[in-house]
Amino acid sequence: MTTTITGAFASMDTIRNTMDDLLACGIDREKIFADSENNELKVMIPDDIEIEVTKIIQRHKPFDMITHHR
């Protein structure tokens, strides 16, 4: 299954820093989407790395985070 994690952040700078951390841990760039209009970051990942990715996103202190399982 696939999980989509969406984090809402206060700034695009924080989103870029979060993206850098996700890329550094091996997440494919094609699986990371930055929405500058809503200051959201979406990451589509396999279920087995959900906990690791959630921890990375939480380190950057999103003010909201939603997880969808498909």
Protein backbone atom coordinates (compact mmCIF):
# COMPACT_ATOMS: atom_id res chain seq x y z
CA MET A 1 0.00 0.00 0.00
CA THR A 2 0.92 3.63 -0.39
CA THR A 3 0.77 6.34 2.24
CA THR A 4 0.54 10.06 1.55
CA ILE A 5 1.71 12.35 4.32
CA THR A 6 0.80 16.04 4.08
CA GLY A 7 2.42 18.59 6.33
CA ALA A 8 1.36 22.24 6.57
CA PHE A 9 4.17 24.65 7.38
CA ALA A 10 4.57 28.32 8.18
CA SER A 11 6.99 29.01 5.32
CA MET A 12 8.40 27.67 2.07
CA ASP A 13 11.88 27.83 3.63
CA THR A 14 10.81 25.20 6.15
CA ILE A 15 9.32 23.11 3.35
CA ARG A 16 12.59 23.28 1.39
CA ASN A 17 14.57 22.23 4.49
CA THR A 18 12.17 19.33 5.06
CA MET A 19 12.50 18.29 1.42
CA ASP A 20 16.31 18.34 1.73
CA ASP A 21 16.12 16.00 4.73
CA LEU A 22 13.73 13.64 2.93
CA LEU A 23 15.97 13.54 -0.15
CA ALA A 24 19.02 12.90 2.05
CA CYS A 25 17.35 9.83 3.55
CA GLY A 26 16.63 8.40 0.10
CA ILE A 27 13.09 9.49 -0.75
CA ASP A 28 12.76 9.95 -4.53
CA ARG A 29 12.26 13.57 -5.63
CA GLU A 30 9.33 12.41 -7.77
CA LYS A 31 7.49 11.38 -4.58
CA ILE A 32 7.77 14.81 -2.90
CA PHE A 33 5.43 17.67 -3.82
CA ALA A 34 5.64 21.23 -2.51
CA ASP A 35 2.48 23.34 -2.72
CA SER A 36 3.65 26.94 -2.37
CA GLU A 37 0.12 28.35 -2.53
CA ASN A 38 -0.95 26.46 0.62
CA ASN A 39 2.52 26.01 2.23
CA GLU A 40 2.06 22.24 2.21
CA LEU A 41 4.43 19.39 1.57
CA LYS A 42 3.08 16.05 0.33
CA VAL A 43 5.11 12.86 0.35
CA MET A 44 3.95 9.60 -1.25
CA ILE A 45 5.73 6.62 0.24
CA PRO A 46 5.35 2.88 0.82
CA ASP A 47 3.72 2.03 4.14
CA ASP A 48 6.85 0.38 5.52
CA ILE A 49 8.75 3.70 5.85
CA GLU A 50 5.86 5.79 7.19
CA ILE A 51 7.26 6.07 10.72
CA GLU A 52 10.70 7.22 9.54
CA VAL A 53 9.25 9.83 7.16
CA THR A 54 6.77 11.06 9.78
CA LYS A 55 9.63 11.64 12.23
CA ILE A 56 11.58 13.62 9.63
CA ILE A 57 8.59 15.83 8.87
CA GLN A 58 7.80 16.33 12.57
CA ARG A 59 11.36 17.54 13.21
CA HIS A 60 10.49 20.58 11.12
CA LYS A 61 7.43 21.36 13.26
CA PRO A 62 4.46 21.41 10.89
CA PHE A 63 1.40 23.08 12.37
CA ASP A 64 -0.76 20.32 10.86
CA MET A 65 -0.07 16.87 9.47
CA ILE A 66 -2.44 14.39 7.81
CA THR A 67 -1.73 10.80 6.80
CA HIS A 68 -3.77 8.96 4.15
CA HIS A 69 -3.43 5.24 3.51
CA ARG A 70 -4.37 3.82 0.10
